[in-house]
Protein backbone atom coordinates (compact mmCIF):
# COMPACT_ATOMS: atom_id res chain seq x y z
CA MET A 1 -8.30 9.44 -12.51
CA ARG A 2 -7.41 5.76 -12.77
CA VAL A 3 -4.30 4.03 -13.98
CA THR A 4 -5.22 1.44 -16.59
CA TRP A 5 -3.35 -1.27 -18.49
CA GLY A 6 -5.14 -4.02 -20.38
CA THR A 7 -7.90 -5.21 -18.10
CA VAL A 8 -6.22 -3.84 -14.95
CA ARG A 9 -6.90 -0.52 -13.23
CA LEU A 10 -4.99 1.15 -10.40
CA THR A 11 -6.59 3.97 -8.43
CA ILE A 12 -4.53 6.08 -6.06
CA ILE A 13 -6.77 6.51 -3.03
CA GLY A 14 -4.19 7.91 -0.61
CA CYS A 15 -0.44 8.50 -0.72
CA SER A 16 0.40 10.66 2.30
CA GLY A 17 3.27 9.31 4.38
CA SER A 18 3.06 8.67 8.13
CA PHE A 19 -0.23 10.58 8.58
CA PRO A 20 -2.96 12.06 6.35
CA GLY A 21 -2.09 15.35 4.71
CA PRO A 22 -4.36 18.23 3.69
CA ASP A 23 -4.70 16.84 0.17
CA SER A 24 -4.56 13.07 0.65
CA PRO A 25 -5.36 10.25 3.05
CA ALA A 26 -2.59 7.93 4.14
CA SER A 27 -1.59 4.94 2.00
CA CYS A 28 -4.36 3.16 0.07
CA TYR A 29 -4.49 1.85 -3.51
CA LEU A 30 -7.21 0.05 -5.44
CA VAL A 31 -6.29 -2.56 -8.07
CA GLU A 32 -9.03 -3.87 -10.37
CA ALA A 33 -8.81 -6.74 -12.87
CA GLU A 34 -11.56 -8.69 -14.59
CA GLY A 35 -14.13 -7.27 -12.17
CA PHE A 36 -12.02 -8.25 -9.14
CA ARG A 37 -11.10 -5.47 -6.69
CA LEU A 38 -8.03 -5.72 -4.47
CA LEU A 39 -7.52 -2.96 -1.91
CA VAL A 40 -3.85 -2.43 -1.01
CA ASP A 41 -3.41 -0.88 2.45
CA VAL A 42 -6.19 1.03 4.21
CA GLY A 43 -4.39 3.83 6.01
CA SER A 44 -5.71 6.65 8.15
CA GLY A 45 -8.46 8.58 6.40
CA ALA A 46 -8.61 6.27 3.38
CA LEU A 47 -12.09 4.82 3.85
CA GLY A 48 -13.85 8.09 3.00
CA ALA A 49 -11.88 8.72 -0.19
CA LEU A 50 -12.28 5.08 -1.26
CA GLN A 51 -16.02 5.59 -1.66
CA ARG A 52 -15.42 7.98 -4.56
CA TYR A 53 -14.06 5.06 -6.60
CA ALA A 54 -15.70 1.89 -5.30
CA GLY A 55 -18.61 0.93 -3.08
CA LEU A 56 -17.76 -0.30 0.38
CA TYR A 57 -19.39 -3.62 -0.44
CA GLU A 58 -17.65 -4.07 -3.81
CA ILE A 59 -14.17 -4.95 -2.49
CA ASP A 60 -13.14 -8.59 -2.98
CA ALA A 61 -9.87 -8.78 -1.02
CA ILE A 62 -7.45 -6.60 0.95
CA TRP A 63 -3.65 -6.59 1.22
CA ILE A 64 -2.09 -4.96 4.30
CA SER A 65 1.64 -4.42 3.87
CA HIS A 66 2.31 -3.79 7.57
CA LEU A 67 0.68 -2.78 10.81
CA HIS A 68 1.63 0.87 11.13
CA ALA A 69 -1.50 3.02 11.47
CA ASP A 70 -0.95 4.91 8.22
CA HIS A 71 -1.31 1.62 6.33
CA CYS A 72 -3.99 -0.29 8.22
CA LEU A 73 -5.98 1.68 10.78
CA ASP A 74 -9.05 2.42 8.63
CA LEU A 75 -9.61 -1.33 8.43
CA CYS A 76 -11.21 -0.91 11.87
CA CYS A 77 -13.71 1.60 10.47
CA TYR A 78 -14.28 -0.65 7.49
CA SER A 79 -15.14 -3.56 9.78
CA VAL A 80 -17.86 -1.45 11.40
CA ALA A 81 -19.31 -0.60 7.98
CA ARG A 82 -19.38 -4.28 7.02
CA THR A 83 -20.61 -5.68 10.34
CA TRP A 84 -23.30 -3.19 11.35
CA HIS A 85 -25.02 -2.39 8.04
CA PRO A 86 -28.76 -1.68 8.62
CA GLU A 87 -29.66 -4.55 6.31
CA GLY A 88 -27.38 -6.95 8.16
CA PRO A 89 -23.72 -7.94 8.09
CA ARG A 90 -21.98 -8.04 4.73
CA PRO A 91 -20.17 -11.26 3.72
CA GLN A 92 -16.70 -11.78 5.15
CA ILE A 93 -13.86 -10.91 2.75
CA PRO A 94 -10.22 -12.07 2.85
CA VAL A 95 -7.46 -9.89 4.26
CA TYR A 96 -3.83 -10.77 3.53
CA GLY A 97 -1.59 -9.27 6.21
CA PRO A 98 1.40 -9.77 8.48
CA SER A 99 1.27 -12.19 11.40
CA GLN A 100 -0.81 -10.89 14.32
CA ALA A 101 -2.86 -8.63 12.04
CA ALA A 102 -6.19 -9.89 13.38
CA VAL A 103 -5.08 -9.56 17.01
CA ARG A 104 -3.53 -6.11 16.64
CA LEU A 105 -6.40 -4.66 14.62
CA GLY A 106 -8.90 -6.31 16.95
CA GLN A 107 -7.27 -4.53 19.86
CA ALA A 108 -7.47 -1.22 18.02
CA LEU A 109 -11.15 -1.80 17.25
CA THR A 110 -12.31 -2.90 20.70
CA ALA A 111 -9.76 -1.16 22.97
CA ASP A 112 -9.93 -4.42 24.94
CA PRO A 113 -6.90 -6.72 24.66
CA ALA A 114 -8.93 -9.56 26.17
CA ALA A 115 -11.26 -9.44 23.16
CA ALA A 116 -8.50 -9.45 20.59
CA GLU A 117 -8.23 -13.18 19.93
CA PRO A 118 -9.55 -14.00 16.44
CA ALA A 119 -11.61 -16.95 17.76
CA ASP A 120 -13.59 -14.90 20.28
CA PRO A 121 -17.35 -14.80 19.55
CA GLY A 122 -18.53 -11.41 18.33
CA HIS A 123 -15.01 -10.26 17.50
CA GLY A 124 -15.75 -7.45 15.04
CA ILE A 125 -12.60 -7.70 12.94
CA THR A 126 -12.95 -11.39 12.21
CA ASP A 127 -16.71 -11.08 11.71
CA ALA A 128 -15.96 -8.78 8.78
CA PHE A 129 -12.66 -10.22 7.53
CA GLY A 130 -10.94 -13.58 7.17
CA PHE A 131 -7.23 -13.18 7.79
CA THR A 132 -4.46 -14.96 5.88
CA THR A 133 -0.84 -14.45 6.97
CA ILE A 134 1.46 -13.18 4.23
CA THR A 135 4.67 -15.16 3.73
CA PRO A 136 7.43 -14.61 1.17
CA GLY A 137 6.59 -16.24 -2.15
CA THR A 138 3.93 -16.20 -4.83
CA THR A 139 0.19 -16.61 -4.45
CA GLU A 140 -2.94 -16.05 -6.52
CA ILE A 141 -5.42 -13.43 -5.32
CA GLY A 142 -8.37 -13.55 -7.67
CA PRO A 143 -6.93 -13.16 -11.18
CA LEU A 144 -3.75 -11.51 -9.85
CA ARG A 145 -0.39 -13.24 -9.38
CA VAL A 146 1.25 -11.67 -6.33
CA THR A 147 4.85 -12.24 -5.22
CA ALA A 148 5.72 -10.96 -1.74
CA GLU A 149 9.07 -10.20 -0.11
CA ARG A 150 9.99 -8.80 3.30
CA MET A 151 11.15 -5.21 3.19
CA SER A 152 13.54 -3.25 5.45
CA HIS A 153 11.31 -1.58 8.03
CA PRO A 154 11.11 -1.70 11.85
CA VAL A 155 8.01 -3.96 11.79
CA GLU A 156 7.21 -6.98 9.61
CA THR A 157 6.52 -5.42 6.20
CA PHE A 158 5.85 -6.89 2.76
CA GLY A 159 6.27 -5.31 -0.65
CA PHE A 160 4.91 -7.10 -3.69
CA ARG A 161 5.14 -7.74 -7.40
CA LEU A 162 1.70 -7.97 -9.00
CA GLU A 163 1.33 -9.55 -12.45
CA HIS A 164 -1.68 -9.84 -14.73
CA GLY A 165 -2.33 -9.68 -18.45
CA GLY A 166 1.33 -9.31 -19.35
CA ARG A 167 1.79 -6.23 -17.15
CA THR A 168 3.60 -5.84 -13.83
CA LEU A 169 3.15 -3.45 -10.93
CA ALA A 170 5.73 -3.40 -8.10
CA TYR A 171 4.92 -1.84 -4.73
CA SER A 172 7.66 -1.05 -2.21
CA ALA A 173 5.41 -0.58 0.82
CA ASP A 174 7.53 1.16 3.50
CA THR A 175 11.21 0.27 3.33
CA GLY A 176 14.78 1.34 3.73
CA GLU A 177 17.42 0.12 1.31
CA THR A 178 17.10 -3.58 0.42
CA ASP A 179 17.91 -5.85 -2.52
CA ALA A 180 14.37 -7.24 -2.24
CA LEU A 181 13.06 -4.09 -3.89
CA THR A 182 15.24 -4.63 -6.94
CA ARG A 183 13.98 -8.20 -7.27
CA LEU A 184 10.34 -7.21 -6.96
CA ALA A 185 10.67 -4.34 -9.43
CA ARG A 186 12.74 -6.11 -12.10
CA ASP A 187 11.41 -4.96 -15.54
CA ALA A 188 8.09 -3.85 -14.00
CA ASP A 189 5.91 -1.53 -16.04
CA LEU A 190 5.37 0.64 -12.96
CA LEU A 191 7.20 0.87 -9.65
CA LEU A 192 5.07 2.51 -6.98
CA CYS A 193 7.81 3.39 -4.52
CA GLU A 194 7.90 5.18 -1.22
CA ALA A 195 9.93 8.38 -0.94
CA SER A 196 9.37 9.55 2.62
CA LEU A 197 12.70 11.26 3.20
CA VAL A 198 14.71 14.03 1.56
CA GLU A 199 18.46 13.95 1.13
CA PRO A 200 20.24 15.60 4.10
CA GLY A 201 22.20 18.80 3.67
CA PRO A 202 26.00 18.84 4.09
CA ARG A 203 25.65 19.42 7.84
CA GLY A 204 22.37 17.58 8.33
CA PRO A 205 21.93 14.35 10.29
CA ALA A 206 22.56 11.07 8.52
CA LEU A 207 19.58 9.26 7.03
CA PRO A 208 18.05 6.62 9.31
CA GLN A 209 18.77 3.05 8.24
CA GLY A 210 16.08 0.43 7.71
CA LEU A 211 13.21 2.90 7.76
CA HIS A 212 12.40 4.84 4.56
CA LEU A 213 13.84 5.97 1.21
CA THR A 214 14.53 9.35 -0.34
CA GLY A 215 13.36 10.20 -3.84
CA ARG A 216 16.91 9.72 -5.09
CA GLN A 217 17.19 6.29 -3.49
CA ALA A 218 13.83 5.24 -4.94
CA ALA A 219 14.98 6.38 -8.38
CA ARG A 220 18.19 4.39 -8.10
CA TYR A 221 16.16 1.25 -7.47
CA ALA A 222 13.97 2.06 -10.46
CA ALA A 223 17.04 2.45 -12.66
CA ARG A 224 18.71 -0.68 -11.28
CA ALA A 225 15.56 -2.75 -11.84
CA GLY A 226 14.92 -1.38 -15.34
CA VAL A 227 11.33 -0.32 -14.66
CA GLY A 228 9.24 1.40 -17.28
CA GLN A 229 7.90 4.14 -15.03
CA LEU A 230 8.36 5.33 -11.46
CA MET A 231 5.67 6.83 -9.25
CA LEU A 232 6.81 8.22 -5.89
CA THR A 233 4.39 7.76 -3.01
CA HIS A 234 4.20 7.84 0.81
CA LEU A 235 5.00 11.54 0.60
CA ALA A 236 5.31 13.06 4.07
CA PRO A 237 3.26 16.28 4.36
CA TRP A 238 6.16 18.16 5.98
CA ASN A 239 8.43 17.62 2.96
CA ASP A 240 8.56 19.62 -0.27
CA ALA A 241 7.24 17.18 -2.89
CA GLY A 242 8.91 19.17 -5.65
CA ARG A 243 12.28 18.66 -3.99
CA THR A 244 11.58 14.92 -3.73
CA LEU A 245 10.86 14.77 -7.46
CA ASP A 246 13.96 16.81 -8.31
CA GLU A 247 16.15 14.47 -6.28
CA ALA A 248 14.68 11.46 -8.07
CA ASP A 249 15.20 13.07 -11.46
CA GLN A 250 18.95 13.02 -10.87
CA ALA A 251 19.00 9.21 -10.65
CA PHE A 252 16.34 7.90 -13.07
CA GLY A 253 16.06 8.86 -16.72
CA GLY A 254 12.63 7.32 -17.38
CA PRO A 255 9.14 8.72 -16.88
CA MET A 256 8.30 9.53 -13.28
CA SER A 257 5.61 11.28 -11.30
CA LEU A 258 4.40 12.05 -7.81
CA ALA A 259 1.43 10.06 -6.55
CA ALA A 260 -1.56 12.10 -5.46
CA SER A 261 -5.06 11.20 -4.42
CA GLY A 262 -7.06 11.17 -7.65
CA LEU A 263 -4.01 11.38 -9.93
CA GLY A 264 -3.07 8.55 -12.25
CA ILE A 265 -1.17 7.38 -15.32
CA VAL A 266 -2.00 5.06 -18.20
CA LEU A 267 0.37 2.14 -18.83
CA GLY A 268 0.76 1.19 -22.47
């Protein structure tokens, strides 16, 4: 099922946190507007599920929030599909990602650090993709207005605010607590927010800082930002998703749901 508002569609390809689960690939989302297709993250296992919703040669641009495997590793597989097609290489498409994305993904693809420089001839990643480094601020990607901010995570990570046709989608990417999330989500129609952790018990260890959010923390950001709806994503397979939703329900009074591969909502 696809999430649709105006001329924009959002498809949840994968929403499993940290590694693919039995029911979902890792993080991957497809945004479509005016015939333009933006793929947001291409985590482990996502490339197979993507083909249920879009052809491999119908993607116009890709946004990689950060370089952890559960958000980017299937870009290596995708480069093979685009470079070695029996009818010849497919046209290069733009990838917006953190600094060093081409080098790091090139190393993962070739297993040869010496071949990981983007300028090397025959470098598979840059044969398939043209890399643009994400920086904080606003840019246009096709018909979409995208505002990026750095999030609170151990590696360089960018969340975004996507605007088109009078509607707004905010995406947390992976993050611990940060005011940047409130700014990105302000009055958004939908906040797609990670909820990787569960609240600790009275004798449990303290939550790690600068890493991930609980459902309750995600809901507090949704309430603080005044979003229309909250969808919790990046759900770790070892957690009870029902508990995550219950924790969020204590802190946000608006509509909310759990992301799932193939599950969606209509924005009105």
